[in-house]
N, C-alpha and C. Protein backbone atom coordinates (compact mmCIF):
# COMPACT_ATOMS: atom_id res chain seq x y z
N MET A 1 272.57 61.27 81.51
CA MET A 1 273.34 61.35 82.75
C MET A 1 274.40 62.46 82.62
N LEU A 2 275.05 62.52 81.48
CA LEU A 2 276.08 63.53 81.29
C LEU A 2 275.47 64.93 81.31
N THR A 3 274.26 65.05 80.76
CA THR A 3 273.62 66.37 80.72
C THR A 3 273.34 66.87 82.13
N VAL A 4 272.91 65.96 83.00
CA VAL A 4 272.62 66.35 84.38
C VAL A 4 273.91 66.80 85.07
N PHE A 5 274.99 66.07 84.81
CA PHE A 5 276.28 66.42 85.42
C PHE A 5 276.73 67.81 84.98
N LEU A 6 276.58 68.09 83.68
CA LEU A 6 276.97 69.40 83.17
C LEU A 6 276.10 70.49 83.76
N PHE A 7 274.79 70.21 83.90
CA PHE A 7 273.87 71.20 84.46
C PHE A 7 274.25 71.53 85.90
N ILE A 8 274.55 70.49 86.68
CA ILE A 8 274.94 70.71 88.08
C ILE A 8 276.26 71.47 88.15
N GLY A 9 277.20 71.12 87.27
CA GLY A 9 278.49 71.79 87.27
C GLY A 9 278.36 73.26 86.95
N ARG A 10 277.52 73.57 85.95
CA ARG A 10 277.35 74.97 85.57
C ARG A 10 276.66 75.73 86.69
N HIS A 11 275.69 75.09 87.34
CA HIS A 11 274.97 75.75 88.43
C HIS A 11 275.92 76.02 89.60
N ALA A 12 276.80 75.05 89.88
CA ALA A 12 277.75 75.22 90.98
C ALA A 12 278.70 76.36 90.67
N THR A 13 279.13 76.46 89.42
CA THR A 13 280.04 77.53 89.03
C THR A 13 279.36 78.88 89.18
N GLU A 14 278.08 78.95 88.80
CA GLU A 14 277.35 80.21 88.92
C GLU A 14 277.22 80.62 90.38
N LEU A 15 276.93 79.65 91.24
CA LEU A 15 276.80 79.95 92.66
C LEU A 15 278.14 80.42 93.23
N GLN A 16 279.23 79.78 92.78
CA GLN A 16 280.55 80.15 93.28
C GLN A 16 280.90 81.57 92.83
N GLN A 17 280.59 81.91 91.58
CA GLN A 17 280.89 83.25 91.08
C GLN A 17 280.08 84.28 91.84
N ARG A 18 278.81 83.96 92.13
CA ARG A 18 277.96 84.89 92.88
C ARG A 18 278.51 85.08 94.28
N HIS A 19 279.00 84.00 94.90
CA HIS A 19 279.55 84.08 96.24
C HIS A 19 280.80 84.96 96.24
N THR A 20 281.64 84.80 95.21
CA THR A 20 282.85 85.61 95.11
C THR A 20 282.49 87.07 94.90
N PHE A 21 281.42 87.32 94.12
CA PHE A 21 281.00 88.69 93.85
C PHE A 21 280.53 89.37 95.12
N TYR A 22 279.75 88.65 95.93
CA TYR A 22 279.26 89.23 97.18
C TYR A 22 280.41 89.44 98.16
N ASN A 23 281.39 88.53 98.13
CA ASN A 23 282.55 88.69 99.01
C ASN A 23 283.35 89.92 98.60
N TRP A 24 283.40 90.18 97.30
CA TRP A 24 284.15 91.34 96.80
C TRP A 24 283.50 92.64 97.25
N LEU A 25 282.15 92.62 97.32
CA LEU A 25 281.43 93.82 97.76
C LEU A 25 281.76 94.11 99.21
């Protein structure tokens, strides 16, 4: 269960960083 939570958290962070990167462009 904890592994799934960490996986989702890391994926959400990656999506957020990508969104910020596109906003910066």
